PDB file of N, CA and C in Angstrom:
ATOM      1  N   MET A   1     -42.268 124.263 -23.614  1.00  0.00           N
ATOM      2  CA  MET A   1     -41.357 125.423 -23.537  1.00  0.00           C
ATOM      3  C   MET A   1     -39.863 124.666 -23.216  1.00  0.00           C
ATOM      4  N   ASN A   2     -39.951 124.364 -22.042  1.00  0.00           N
ATOM      5  CA  ASN A   2     -39.090 123.871 -21.486  1.00  0.00           C
ATOM      6  C   ASN A   2     -38.221 122.383 -21.970  1.00  0.00           C
ATOM      7  N   GLU A   3     -39.083 121.488 -22.819  1.00  0.00           N
ATOM      8  CA  GLU A   3     -38.720 120.419 -23.553  1.00  0.00           C
ATOM      9  C   GLU A   3     -37.928 120.821 -24.646  1.00  0.00           C
ATOM     10  N   ALA A   4     -38.429 122.156 -25.361  1.00  0.00           N
ATOM     11  CA  ALA A   4     -37.807 122.631 -26.476  1.00  0.00           C
ATOM     12  C   ALA A   4     -36.805 123.382 -26.500  1.00  0.00           C
ATOM     13  N   ASN A   5     -36.455 123.887 -25.081  1.00  0.00           N
ATOM     14  CA  ASN A   5     -35.416 124.460 -24.836  1.00  0.00           C
ATOM     15  C   ASN A   5     -34.128 123.192 -24.742  1.00  0.00           C
ATOM     16  N   ALA A   6     -34.476 122.467 -24.047  1.00  0.00           N
ATOM     17  CA  ALA A   6     -33.527 121.316 -23.558  1.00  0.00           C
ATOM     18  C   ALA A   6     -32.888 120.664 -25.223  1.00  0.00           C
ATOM     19  N   VAL A   7     -34.164 120.644 -25.988  1.00  0.00           N
ATOM     20  CA  VAL A   7     -33.599 120.288 -27.089  1.00  0.00           C
ATOM     21  C   VAL A   7     -32.662 121.164 -27.952  1.00  0.00           C
ATOM     22  N   LEU A   8     -32.745 122.429 -28.067  1.00  0.00           N
ATOM     23  CA  LEU A   8     -32.037 123.375 -28.535  1.00  0.00           C
ATOM     24  C   LEU A   8     -30.835 123.516 -28.012  1.00  0.00           C
ATOM     25  N   ARG A   9     -30.802 123.118 -26.533  1.00  0.00           N
ATOM     26  CA  ARG A   9     -29.333 123.418 -25.906  1.00  0.00           C
ATOM     27  C   ARG A   9     -28.313 121.981 -26.048  1.00  0.00           C
ATOM     28  N   ASP A  10     -28.848 120.889 -26.173  1.00  0.00           N
ATOM     29  CA  ASP A  10     -28.283 119.848 -26.337  1.00  0.00           C
ATOM     30  C   ASP A  10     -27.881 119.432 -27.554  1.00  0.00           C
ATOM     31  N   PRO A  11     -26.414 119.493 -27.889  1.00  0.00           N
ATOM     32  CA  PRO A  11     -26.142 118.804 -29.505  1.00  0.00           C
ATOM     33  C   PRO A  11     -26.856 117.685 -29.900  1.00  0.00           C
ATOM     34  N   PHE A  12     -26.678 116.657 -29.012  1.00  0.00           N
ATOM     35  CA  PHE A  12     -26.881 115.359 -29.322  1.00  0.00           C
ATOM     36  C   PHE A  12     -28.641 115.293 -29.785  1.00  0.00           C
ATOM     37  N   LYS A  13     -29.346 115.740 -28.841  1.00  0.00           N
ATOM     38  CA  LYS A  13     -30.829 115.901 -28.849  1.00  0.00           C
ATOM     39  C   LYS A  13     -31.387 116.829 -30.279  1.00  0.00           C
ATOM     40  N   ARG A  14     -30.456 117.876 -30.289  1.00  0.00           N
ATOM     41  CA  ARG A  14     -31.157 118.627 -31.445  1.00  0.00           C
ATOM     42  C   ARG A  14     -30.467 117.767 -32.640  1.00  0.00           C
ATOM     43  N   ALA A  15     -29.652 116.919 -32.726  1.00  0.00           N
ATOM     44  CA  ALA A  15     -29.374 116.037 -33.829  1.00  0.00           C
ATOM     45  C   ALA A  15     -30.420 114.876 -33.841  1.00  0.00           C
ATOM     46  N   GLU A  16     -30.669 114.213 -32.931  1.00  0.00           N
ATOM     47  CA  GLU A  16     -31.710 113.304 -32.724  1.00  0.00           C
ATOM     48  C   GLU A  16     -33.201 113.726 -33.456  1.00  0.00           C
ATOM     49  N   TYR A  17     -33.330 115.209 -33.024  1.00  0.00           N
ATOM     50  CA  TYR A  17     -34.653 115.700 -33.562  1.00  0.00           C
ATOM     51  C   TYR A  17     -34.587 115.922 -34.919  1.00  0.00           C
ATOM     52  N   LEU A  18     -33.626 116.768 -35.536  1.00  0.00           N
ATOM     53  CA  LEU A  18     -33.336 116.898 -36.990  1.00  0.00           C
ATOM     54  C   LEU A  18     -33.313 115.526 -37.787  1.00  0.00           C
ATOM     55  N   LEU A  19     -32.773 114.458 -37.128  1.00  0.00           N
ATOM     56  CA  LEU A  19     -32.778 113.275 -38.083  1.00  0.00           C
ATOM     57  C   LEU A  19     -34.274 112.952 -37.912  1.00  0.00           C
ATOM     58  N   ALA A  20     -34.985 112.836 -37.065  1.00  0.00           N
ATOM     59  CA  ALA A  20     -36.277 112.804 -37.457  1.00  0.00           C
ATOM     60  C   ALA A  20     -37.008 113.371 -38.118  1.00  0.00           C
ATOM     61  N   LEU A  21     -36.837 114.900 -37.964  1.00  0.00           N
ATOM     62  CA  LEU A  21     -37.414 115.791 -39.187  1.00  0.00           C
ATOM     63  C   LEU A  21     -37.326 115.221 -40.623  1.00  0.00           C
ATOM     64  N   GLU A  22     -36.022 114.856 -40.764  1.00  0.00           N
ATOM     65  CA  GLU A  22     -35.390 114.473 -41.914  1.00  0.00           C
ATOM     66  C   GLU A  22     -36.085 113.079 -42.520  1.00  0.00           C
ATOM     67  N   GLY A  23     -36.862 112.477 -41.623  1.00  0.00           N
ATOM     68  CA  GLY A  23     -37.420 111.057 -41.970  1.00  0.00           C
ATOM     69  C   GLY A  23     -36.290 109.769 -41.805  1.00  0.00           C
ATOM     70  N   GLY A  24     -34.984 110.019 -41.056  1.00  0.00           N
ATOM     71  CA  GLY A  24     -34.202 109.223 -40.713  1.00  0.00           C
ATOM     72  C   GLY A  24     -34.465 107.837 -39.914  1.00  0.00           C
ATOM     73  N   PRO A  25     -33.619 106.805 -39.909  1.00  0.00           N
ATOM     74  CA  PRO A  25     -33.755 106.077 -38.718  1.00  0.00           C
ATOM     75  C   PRO A  25     -34.000 106.206 -37.169  1.00  0.00           C
ATOM     76  N   THR A  26     -34.804 105.894 -36.706  1.00  0.00           N
ATOM     77  CA  THR A  26     -34.547 105.763 -35.176  1.00  0.00           C
ATOM     78  C   THR A  26     -33.646 104.706 -34.733  1.00  0.00           C
ATOM     79  N   ALA A  27     -33.138 105.348 -33.532  1.00  0.00           N
ATOM     80  CA  ALA A  27     -32.196 104.226 -33.013  1.00  0.00           C
ATOM     81  C   ALA A  27     -32.767 102.839 -32.646  1.00  0.00           C
ATOM     82  N   ALA A  28     -34.122 102.831 -32.537  1.00  0.00           N
ATOM     83  CA  ALA A  28     -34.654 101.072 -32.438  1.00  0.00           C
ATOM     84  C   ALA A  28     -34.574 100.732 -33.859  1.00  0.00           C
ATOM     85  N   GLU A  29     -34.860 101.481 -34.758  1.00  0.00           N
ATOM     86  CA  GLU A  29     -34.819 100.937 -36.409  1.00  0.00           C
ATOM     87  C   GLU A  29     -33.274 100.548 -36.551  1.00  0.00           C
ATOM     88  N   GLN A  30     -32.483 101.170 -36.228  1.00  0.00           N
ATOM     89  CA  GLN A  30     -31.022 101.022 -36.743  1.00  0.00           C
ATOM     90  C   GLN A  30     -30.084 100.982 -35.637  1.00  0.00           C
ATOM     91  N   LYS A  31     -29.385 100.078 -34.963  1.00  0.00           N
ATOM     92  CA  LYS A  31     -28.812  99.972 -34.065  1.00  0.00           C
ATOM     93  C   LYS A  31     -27.264 100.048 -34.256  1.00  0.00           C
ATOM     94  N   GLU A  32     -26.721 100.033 -35.424  1.00  0.00           N
ATOM     95  CA  GLU A  32     -25.391  99.796 -35.837  1.00  0.00           C
ATOM     96  C   GLU A  32     -24.545 101.215 -35.378  1.00  0.00           C
ATOM     97  N   MET A  33     -23.510 101.397 -35.190  1.00  0.00           N
ATOM     98  CA  MET A  33     -22.434 102.353 -35.141  1.00  0.00           C
ATOM     99  C   MET A  33     -21.339 101.930 -36.259  1.00  0.00           C
ATOM    100  N   PRO A  34     -20.680 103.208 -36.646  1.00  0.00           N
ATOM    101  CA  PRO A  34     -19.508 103.085 -37.754  1.00  0.00           C
ATOM    102  C   PRO A  34     -18.521 102.079 -37.170  1.00  0.00           C
ATOM    103  N   ALA A  35     -17.974 101.303 -37.991  1.00  0.00           N
ATOM    104  CA  ALA A  35     -17.183 100.040 -37.858  1.00  0.00           C
ATOM    105  C   ALA A  35     -15.534 100.653 -36.914  1.00  0.00           C
ATOM    106  N   SER A  36     -15.787 101.931 -37.217  1.00  0.00           N
ATOM    107  CA  SER A  36     -14.235 102.321 -36.388  1.00  0.00           C
ATOM    108  C   SER A  36     -14.674 102.703 -34.808  1.00  0.00           C
ATOM    109  N   VAL A  37     -15.508 102.850 -34.464  1.00  0.00           N
ATOM    110  CA  VAL A  37     -15.890 103.025 -33.029  1.00  0.00           C
ATOM    111  C   VAL A  37     -15.672 101.716 -31.784  1.00  0.00           C
ATOM    112  N   PRO A  38     -16.398 100.535 -32.234  1.00  0.00           N
ATOM    113  CA  PRO A  38     -15.846  99.539 -31.464  1.00  0.00           C
ATOM    114  C   PRO A  38     -14.218  99.404 -31.314  1.00  0.00           C
ATOM    115  N   GLY A  39     -13.455  99.775 -32.641  1.00  0.00           N
ATOM    116  CA  GLY A  39     -12.252  99.331 -32.212  1.00  0.00           C
ATOM    117  C   GLY A  39     -11.610 100.288 -31.725  1.00  0.00           C
ATOM    118  N   ARG A  40     -11.973 101.482 -31.660  1.00  0.00           N
ATOM    119  CA  ARG A  40     -11.329 102.606 -30.869  1.00  0.00           C
ATOM    120  C   ARG A  40     -11.408 102.295 -29.221  1.00  0.00           C
ATOM    121  N   SER A  41     -13.157 101.882 -29.140  1.00  0.00           N
ATOM    122  CA  SER A  41     -13.486 101.849 -27.485  1.00  0.00           C
ATOM    123  C   SER A  41     -13.447 100.286 -26.979  1.00  0.00           C
ATOM    124  N   ALA A  42     -12.874  99.456 -27.416  1.00  0.00           N
ATOM    125  CA  ALA A  42     -12.675  98.091 -27.253  1.00  0.00           C
ATOM    126  C   ALA A  42     -12.045  97.992 -25.946  1.00  0.00           C
ATOM    127  N   GLY A  43     -12.839  97.602 -25.219  1.00  0.00           N
ATOM    128  CA  GLY A  43     -12.152  97.377 -23.685  1.00  0.00           C
ATOM    129  C   GLY A  43     -12.692  98.523 -22.538  1.00  0.00           C
ATOM    130  N   THR A  44     -13.089  99.572 -23.244  1.00  0.00           N
ATOM    131  CA  THR A  44     -13.102 101.086 -22.585  1.00  0.00           C
ATOM    132  C   THR A  44     -14.206 100.746 -21.554  1.00  0.00           C
ATOM    133  N   ALA A  45     -15.204  99.914 -21.498  1.00  0.00           N
ATOM    134  CA  ALA A  45     -16.048  99.438 -20.476  1.00  0.00           C
ATOM    135  C   ALA A  45     -15.611  98.840 -19.519  1.00  0.00           C
ATOM    136  N   ASP A  46     -14.561  97.825 -19.789  1.00  0.00           N
ATOM    137  CA  ASP A  46     -13.860  97.323 -18.823  1.00  0.00           C
ATOM    138  C   ASP A  46     -12.927  98.064 -17.981  1.00  0.00           C
ATOM    139  N   GLY A  47     -12.318  99.137 -18.858  1.00  0.00           N
ATOM    140  CA  GLY A  47     -11.394  99.926 -18.522  1.00  0.00           C
ATOM    141  C   GLY A  47     -11.862 100.852 -17.446  1.00  0.00           C
ATOM    142  N   ASN A  48     -13.120 101.285 -17.854  1.00  0.00           N
ATOM    143  CA  ASN A  48     -13.821 101.910 -16.901  1.00  0.00           C
ATOM    144  C   ASN A  48     -14.190 101.500 -15.606  1.00  0.00           C
ATOM    145  N   ARG A  49     -14.673 100.314 -15.577  1.00  0.00           N
ATOM    146  CA  ARG A  49     -14.816  99.498 -14.358  1.00  0.00           C
ATOM    147  C   ARG A  49     -14.141  99.425 -13.667  1.00  0.00           C
ATOM    148  N   GLU A  50     -12.470  99.305 -13.867  1.00  0.00           N
ATOM    149  CA  GLU A  50     -11.159  99.030 -13.276  1.00  0.00           C
ATOM    150  C   GLU A  50     -10.725 100.585 -12.807  1.00  0.00           C
ATOM    151  N   LEU A  51     -11.094 101.438 -13.395  1.00  0.00           N
ATOM    152  CA  LEU A  51     -10.544 102.880 -12.804  1.00  0.00           C
ATOM    153  C   LEU A  51     -11.839 102.757 -11.651  1.00  0.00           C
ATOM    154  N   ARG A  52     -12.700 102.584 -11.785  1.00  0.00           N
ATOM    155  CA  ARG A  52     -13.840 103.186 -10.837  1.00  0.00           C
ATOM    156  C   ARG A  52     -13.771 102.294  -9.338  1.00  0.00           C
ATOM    157  N   GLU A  53     -12.921 101.102  -9.619  1.00  0.00           N
ATOM    158  CA  GLU A  53     -12.741 100.222  -8.927  1.00  0.00           C
ATOM    159  C   GLU A  53     -11.064 100.413  -8.042  1.00  0.00           C
ATOM    160  N   THR A  54     -10.494 100.935  -8.752  1.00  0.00           N
ATOM    161  CA  THR A  54      -9.045 101.325  -8.313  1.00  0.00           C
ATOM    162  C   THR A  54      -8.745 103.030  -7.910  1.00  0.00           C
ATOM    163  N   GLU A  55      -9.468 103.826  -8.645  1.00  0.00           N
ATOM    164  CA  GLU A  55      -8.824 105.198  -8.678  1.00  0.00           C
ATOM    165  C   GLU A  55      -9.984 106.178  -7.847  1.00  0.00           C
ATOM    166  N   PRO A  56      -9.927 106.923  -7.370  1.00  0.00           N
ATOM    167  CA  PRO A  56     -10.944 107.668  -6.875  1.00  0.00           C
ATOM    168  C   PRO A  56     -11.102 108.960  -7.986  1.00  0.00           C
ATOM    169  N   PRO A  57     -12.249 109.421  -7.851  1.00  0.00           N
ATOM    170  CA  PRO A  57     -13.125 110.241  -9.015  1.00  0.00           C
ATOM    171  C   PRO A  57     -11.959 111.162  -9.774  1.00  0.00           C
ATOM    172  N   ASP A  58     -11.304 111.705  -8.744  1.00  0.00           N
ATOM    173  CA  ASP A  58     -10.433 112.965  -9.147  1.00  0.00           C
ATOM    174  C   ASP A  58      -8.799 112.700  -9.783  1.00  0.00           C
ATOM    175  N   SER A  59      -9.006 111.206  -9.666  1.00  0.00           N
ATOM    176  CA  SER A  59      -7.553 110.618  -9.923  1.00  0.00           C
ATOM    177  C   SER A  59      -7.260 111.306 -11.696  1.00  0.00           C
ATOM    178  N   PRO A  60      -5.731 111.278 -11.956  1.00  0.00           N
ATOM    179  CA  PRO A  60      -5.255 111.821 -13.300  1.00  0.00           C
ATOM    180  C   PRO A  60      -5.496 110.681 -14.210  1.00  0.00           C
ATOM    181  N   ALA A  61      -5.408 109.291 -13.819  1.00  0.00           N
ATOM    182  CA  ALA A  61      -6.250 108.508 -14.564  1.00  0.00           C
ATOM    183  C   ALA A  61      -7.688 108.495 -15.199  1.00  0.00           C
ATOM    184  N   ARG A  62      -8.630 108.687 -14.305  1.00  0.00           N
ATOM    185  CA  ARG A  62      -9.839 108.690 -14.565  1.00  0.00           C
ATOM    186  C   ARG A  62      -9.867 110.050 -15.360  1.00  0.00           C
ATOM    187  N   GLN A  63      -9.465 111.218 -15.023  1.00  0.00           N
ATOM    188  CA  GLN A  63      -9.506 112.800 -15.682  1.00  0.00           C
ATOM    189  C   GLN A  63      -8.885 112.331 -16.985  1.00  0.00           C
ATOM    190  N   ALA A  64      -7.714 111.606 -17.449  1.00  0.00           N
ATOM    191  CA  ALA A  64      -7.558 111.102 -18.838  1.00  0.00           C
ATOM    192  C   ALA A  64      -8.450 110.728 -19.549  1.00  0.00           C
ATOM    193  N   ARG A  65      -8.884 109.556 -18.794  1.00  0.00           N
ATOM    194  CA  ARG A  65     -10.192 108.827 -19.590  1.00  0.00           C
ATOM    195  C   ARG A  65     -11.222 109.595 -19.938  1.00  0.00           C
ATOM    196  N   ARG A  66     -11.535 110.536 -18.988  1.00  0.00           N
ATOM    197  CA  ARG A  66     -12.865 111.410 -19.273  1.00  0.00           C
ATOM    198  C   ARG A  66     -12.546 112.486 -20.283  1.00  0.00           C
ATOM    199  N   ARG A  67     -11.457 112.678 -20.601  1.00  0.00           N
ATOM    200  CA  ARG A  67     -10.922 113.974 -21.334  1.00  0.00           C
ATOM    201  C   ARG A  67     -11.018 113.070 -22.943  1.00  0.00           C
ATOM    202  N   ARG A  68     -10.220 111.885 -23.159  1.00  0.00           N
ATOM    203  CA  ARG A  68     -10.305 111.288 -24.089  1.00  0.00           C
ATOM    204  C   ARG A  68     -11.868 110.957 -24.605  1.00  0.00           C
ATOM    205  N   LEU A  69     -12.631 110.259 -23.645  1.00  0.00           N
ATOM    206  CA  LEU A  69     -14.184 110.150 -23.987  1.00  0.00           C
ATOM    207  C   LEU A  69     -14.618 111.510 -24.375  1.00  0.00           C
ATOM    208  N   THR A  70     -14.801 112.455 -23.739  1.00  0.00           N
ATOM    209  CA  THR A  70     -15.042 114.065 -24.177  1.00  0.00           C
ATOM    210  C   THR A  70     -14.877 114.262 -25.505  1.00  0.00           C
ATOM    211  N   GLU A  71     -13.533 114.505 -25.900  1.00  0.00           N
ATOM    212  CA  GLU A  71     -12.954 114.700 -27.072  1.00  0.00           C
ATOM    213  C   GLU A  71     -13.745 113.709 -28.254  1.00  0.00           C
ATOM    214  N   ARG A  72     -14.034 112.214 -27.882  1.00  0.00           N
ATOM    215  CA  ARG A  72     -14.472 111.330 -28.940  1.00  0.00           C
ATOM    216  C   ARG A  72     -15.597 111.533 -29.338  1.00  0.00           C
ATOM    217  N   ARG A  73     -16.495 111.713 -28.256  1.00  0.00           N
ATOM    218  CA  ARG A  73     -17.902 112.321 -28.211  1.00  0.00           C
ATOM    219  C   ARG A  73     -18.008 113.937 -28.996  1.00  0.00           C
ATOM    220  N   ASP A  74     -17.267 114.801 -28.358  1.00  0.00           N
ATOM    221  CA  ASP A  74     -17.121 115.954 -29.738  1.00  0.00           C
ATOM    222  C   ASP A  74     -17.077 115.787 -30.962  1.00  0.00           C
ATOM    223  N   ALA A  75     -16.350 115.005 -31.407  1.00  0.00           N
ATOM    224  CA  ALA A  75     -15.631 114.918 -32.697  1.00  0.00           C
ATOM    225  C   ALA A  75     -16.797 114.165 -33.371  1.00  0.00           C
ATOM    226  N   LEU A  76     -17.340 112.980 -32.744  1.00  0.00           N
ATOM    227  CA  LEU A  76     -18.491 112.404 -33.388  1.00  0.00           C
ATOM    228  C   LEU A  76     -19.577 113.342 -33.551  1.00  0.00           C
ATOM    229  N   LEU A  77     -20.154 114.245 -32.628  1.00  0.00           N
ATOM    230  CA  LEU A  77     -20.984 115.486 -32.673  1.00  0.00           C
ATOM    231  C   LEU A  77     -20.498 116.356 -33.975  1.00  0.00           C
ATOM    232  N   ALA A  78     -19.518 116.796 -34.515  1.00  0.00           N
ATOM    233  CA  ALA A  78     -19.014 117.428 -35.411  1.00  0.00           C
ATOM    234  C   ALA A  78     -18.986 116.823 -36.497  1.00  0.00           C
ATOM    235  N   GLU A  79     -18.900 115.298 -36.953  1.00  0.00           N
ATOM    236  CA  GLU A  79     -19.195 114.761 -37.813  1.00  0.00           C
ATOM    237  C   GLU A  79     -20.627 114.600 -38.363  1.00  0.00           C
ATOM    238  N   VAL A  80     -21.269 114.513 -37.607  1.00  0.00           N
ATOM    239  CA  VAL A  80     -22.825 114.587 -37.409  1.00  0.00           C
ATOM    240  C   VAL A  80     -23.244 115.815 -38.052  1.00  0.00           C
ATOM    241  N   GLY A  81     -22.819 117.097 -37.648  1.00  0.00           N
ATOM    242  CA  GLY A  81     -23.090 118.337 -37.999  1.00  0.00           C
ATOM    243  C   GLY A  81     -22.678 118.170 -39.612  1.00  0.00           C
ATOM    244  N   ASP A  82     -21.477 117.989 -39.881  1.00  0.00           N
ATOM    245  CA  ASP A  82     -20.768 118.208 -41.301  1.00  0.00           C
ATOM    246  C   ASP A  82     -21.795 117.220 -41.925  1.00  0.00           C
ATOM    247  N   GLU A  83     -22.181 116.223 -41.613  1.00  0.00           N
ATOM    248  CA  GLU A  83     -23.057 115.276 -42.412  1.00  0.00           C
ATOM    249  C   GLU A  83     -24.324 116.077 -42.762  1.00  0.00           C
ATOM    250  N   PHE A  84     -24.931 116.550 -41.768  1.00  0.00           N
ATOM    251  CA  PHE A  84     -26.178 117.394 -42.141  1.00  0.00           C
ATOM    252  C   PHE A  84     -25.863 118.556 -42.961  1.00  0.00           C
ATOM    253  N   GLU A  85     -24.698 119.073 -42.881  1.00  0.00           N
ATOM    254  CA  GLU A  85     -24.733 119.889 -43.831  1.00  0.00           C
ATOM    255  C   GLU A  85     -24.469 119.708 -45.408  1.00  0.00           C
ATOM    256  N   THR A  86     -24.166 118.552 -45.523  1.00  0.00           N
ATOM    257  CA  THR A  86     -23.986 118.066 -47.069  1.00  0.00           C
ATOM    258  C   THR A  86     -25.128 117.141 -47.229  1.00  0.00           C
ATOM    259  N   LEU A  87     -26.091 117.202 -46.174  1.00  0.00           N
ATOM    260  CA  LEU A  87     -27.178 116.263 -46.602  1.00  0.00           C
ATOM    261  C   LEU A  87     -27.969 116.371 -47.877  1.00  0.00           C
ATOM    262  N   GLY A  88     -28.433 117.897 -48.087  1.00  0.00           N
ATOM    263  CA  GLY A  88     -28.805 118.362 -49.384  1.00  0.00           C
ATOM    264  C   GLY A  88     -28.325 118.214 -50.648  1.00  0.00           C
ATOM    265  N   GLY A  89     -26.796 117.850 -50.691  1.00  0.00           N
ATOM    266  CA  GLY A  89     -26.185 117.521 -51.952  1.00  0.00           C
ATOM    267  C   GLY A  89     -26.011 116.014 -52.115  1.00  0.00           C
ATOM    268  N   ALA A  90     -26.444 115.068 -50.987  1.00  0.00           N
ATOM    269  CA  ALA A  90     -25.769 113.645 -50.962  1.00  0.00           C
ATOM    270  C   ALA A  90     -26.738 113.021 -52.194  1.00  0.00           C
ATOM    271  N   ALA A  91     -26.127 111.936 -52.894  1.00  0.00           N
ATOM    272  CA  ALA A  91     -26.606 111.522 -54.040  1.00  0.00           C
ATOM    273  C   ALA A  91     -27.588 110.191 -53.459  1.00  0.00           C
ATOM    274  N   ASP A  92     -27.041 109.796 -52.527  1.00  0.00           N
ATOM    275  CA  ASP A  92     -28.015 108.659 -51.928  1.00  0.00           C
ATOM    276  C   ASP A  92     -28.607 109.201 -50.467  1.00  0.00           C
ATOM    277  N   ARG A  93     -29.703 109.835 -50.377  1.00  0.00           N
ATOM    278  CA  ARG A  93     -30.183 110.406 -49.171  1.00  0.00           C
ATOM    279  C   ARG A  93     -30.420 109.323 -47.962  1.00  0.00           C
ATOM    280  N   ALA A  94     -30.892 108.161 -48.298  1.00  0.00           N
ATOM    281  CA  ALA A  94     -31.122 107.097 -47.398  1.00  0.00           C
ATOM    282  C   ALA A  94     -30.003 106.898 -46.544  1.00  0.00           C
ATOM    283  N   THR A  95     -28.739 106.728 -47.621  1.00  0.00           N
ATOM    284  CA  THR A  95     -27.635 106.267 -47.055  1.00  0.00           C
ATOM    285  C   THR A  95     -26.991 107.108 -45.971  1.00  0.00           C
ATOM    286  N   ALA A  96     -27.364 108.430 -46.402  1.00  0.00           N
ATOM    287  CA  ALA A  96     -26.825 109.676 -45.860  1.00  0.00           C
ATOM    288  C   ALA A  96     -27.257 109.585 -44.378  1.00  0.00           C
ATOM    289  N   LEU A  97     -28.504 109.628 -44.480  1.00  0.00           N
ATOM    290  CA  LEU A  97     -29.375 109.735 -43.117  1.00  0.00           C
ATOM    291  C   LEU A  97     -29.095 108.224 -42.181  1.00  0.00           C
ATOM    292  N   ARG A  98     -28.780 107.064 -42.726  1.00  0.00           N
ATOM    293  CA  ARG A  98     -27.966 105.910 -42.038  1.00  0.00           C
ATOM    294  C   ARG A  98     -26.624 106.308 -41.393  1.00  0.00           C
ATOM    295  N   GLY A  99     -25.973 106.990 -42.279  1.00  0.00           N
ATOM    296  CA  GLY A  99     -24.777 107.229 -41.428  1.00  0.00           C
ATOM    297  C   GLY A  99     -24.771 108.070 -40.489  1.00  0.00           C
ATOM    298  N   ILE A 100     -25.863 109.346 -40.600  1.00  0.00           N
ATOM    299  CA  ILE A 100     -25.955 109.990 -39.350  1.00  0.00           C
ATOM    300  C   ILE A 100     -26.394 109.281 -38.298  1.00  0.00           C
ATOM    301  N   ARG A 101     -27.321 108.286 -38.460  1.00  0.00           N
ATOM    302  CA  ARG A 101     -27.803 107.557 -37.289  1.00  0.00           C
ATOM    303  C   ARG A 101     -26.557 106.855 -36.607  1.00  0.00           C
ATOM    304  N   GLN A 102     -25.757 106.183 -37.509  1.00  0.00           N
ATOM    305  CA  GLN A 102     -24.607 105.523 -36.842  1.00  0.00           C
ATOM    306  C   GLN A 102     -24.088 106.360 -36.308  1.00  0.00           C
ATOM    307  N   ARG A 103     -23.646 107.344 -36.265  1.00  0.00           N
ATOM    308  CA  ARG A 103     -22.641 108.536 -35.480  1.00  0.00           C
ATOM    309  C   ARG A 103     -23.343 108.741 -34.315  1.00  0.00           C
ATOM    310  N   LEU A 104     -24.659 109.032 -34.557  1.00  0.00           N
ATOM    311  CA  LEU A 104     -25.419 109.121 -33.136  1.00  0.00           C
ATOM    312  C   LEU A 104     -25.504 108.030 -32.205  1.00  0.00           C
ATOM    313  N   ASN A 105     -25.717 106.940 -32.930  1.00  0.00           N
ATOM    314  CA  ASN A 105     -25.496 105.773 -32.180  1.00  0.00           C
ATOM    315  C   ASN A 105     -24.053 105.602 -31.309  1.00  0.00           C
ATOM    316  N   ALA A 106     -23.141 105.819 -31.889  1.00  0.00           N
ATOM    317  CA  ALA A 106     -21.769 105.949 -31.313  1.00  0.00           C
ATOM    318  C   ALA A 106     -21.283 107.206 -30.596  1.00  0.00           C
ATOM    319  N   THR A 107     -22.119 107.970 -30.758  1.00  0.00           N
ATOM    320  CA  THR A 107     -22.197 109.421 -29.683  1.00  0.00           C
ATOM    321  C   THR A 107     -22.735 108.877 -28.362  1.00  0.00           C
ATOM    322  N   LYS A 108     -23.976 108.138 -28.449  1.00  0.00           N
ATOM    323  CA  LYS A 108     -24.721 107.767 -27.079  1.00  0.00           C
ATOM    324  C   LYS A 108     -24.070 106.863 -26.636  1.00  0.00           C
ATOM    325  N   TYR A 109     -23.043 105.920 -27.479  1.00  0.00           N
ATOM    326  CA  TYR A 109     -22.557 104.887 -26.558  1.00  0.00           C
ATOM    327  C   TYR A 109     -21.379 105.414 -26.042  1.00  0.00           C
ATOM    328  N   VAL A 110     -20.672 106.636 -26.580  1.00  0.00           N
ATOM    329  CA  VAL A 110     -19.297 106.964 -25.437  1.00  0.00           C
ATOM    330  C   VAL A 110     -20.284 108.256 -24.680  1.00  0.00           C
ATOM    331  N   GLN A 111     -21.313 108.571 -24.774  1.00  0.00           N
ATOM    332  CA  GLN A 111     -21.725 109.362 -23.836  1.00  0.00           C
ATOM    333  C   GLN A 111     -21.999 108.435 -22.278  1.00  0.00           C
ATOM    334  N   ASN A 112     -22.596 107.225 -22.601  1.00  0.00           N
ATOM    335  CA  ASN A 112     -22.980 106.147 -21.673  1.00  0.00           C
ATOM    336  C   ASN A 112     -21.525 106.016 -21.078  1.00  0.00           C
ATOM    337  N   LEU A 113     -20.475 105.717 -21.700  1.00  0.00           N
ATOM    338  CA  LEU A 113     -18.893 105.620 -21.197  1.00  0.00           C
ATOM    339  C   LEU A 113     -18.862 106.823 -19.853  1.00  0.00           C
ATOM    340  N   LEU A 114     -18.895 107.722 -20.563  1.00  0.00           N
ATOM    341  CA  LEU A 114     -18.715 108.930 -19.588  1.00  0.00           C
ATOM    342  C   LEU A 114     -19.447 108.759 -18.631  1.00  0.00           C
ATOM    343  N   ARG A 115     -20.641 108.819 -18.682  1.00  0.00           N
ATOM    344  CA  ARG A 115     -21.671 108.601 -17.476  1.00  0.00           C
ATOM    345  C   ARG A 115     -21.282 107.454 -16.517  1.00  0.00           C
ATOM    346  N   ASP A 116     -20.831 106.188 -17.248  1.00  0.00           N
ATOM    347  CA  ASP A 116     -20.252 105.214 -16.432  1.00  0.00           C
ATOM    348  C   ASP A 116     -19.249 105.307 -15.837  1.00  0.00           C
ATOM    349  N   LEU A 117     -18.115 106.276 -16.060  1.00  0.00           N
ATOM    350  CA  LEU A 117     -16.865 106.713 -15.765  1.00  0.00           C
ATOM    351  C   LEU A 117     -17.371 107.592 -14.318  1.00  0.00           C
ATOM    352  N   HIS A 118     -18.474 108.560 -14.387  1.00  0.00           N
ATOM    353  CA  HIS A 118     -18.601 109.294 -13.071  1.00  0.00           C
ATOM    354  C   HIS A 118     -19.250 108.451 -11.921  1.00  0.00           C
ATOM    355  N   SER A 119     -19.973 107.389 -12.592  1.00  0.00           N
ATOM    356  CA  SER A 119     -20.544 106.567 -11.203  1.00  0.00           C
ATOM    357  C   SER A 119     -19.558 105.934 -10.418  1.00  0.00           C
ATOM    358  N   GLN A 120     -20.159 105.831  -9.278  1.00  0.00           N
ATOM    359  CA  GLN A 120     -19.150 105.001  -8.182  1.00  0.00           C
ATOM    360  C   GLN A 120     -19.607 103.715  -8.006  1.00  0.00           C
TER     361      GLN A 120
END
């Protein structure tokens, strides 16, 4: 029951579960992200490391980075939701499922950046 509740409460876990139910690829089967994500996030891991080394956790720079990453994660999850809504009418279901997987991979990447930003 606790595991089911955790899946239902977390939008990322819920999307992962729905993708599995729909027969979509797992993260191990498909590692790609949308082409737009690396371009938007280039240098972000290095930027996080620099911020952790030079700025206190509550600094305006770290807060701004946290806000931008949170907004990007939320936008990706909204895109995943939109793709699930249109999945039934998709002309190429397999391609649609791969697109969802790509966005979930990107979401995980951004979540990891957020986690790393919080670490000391």
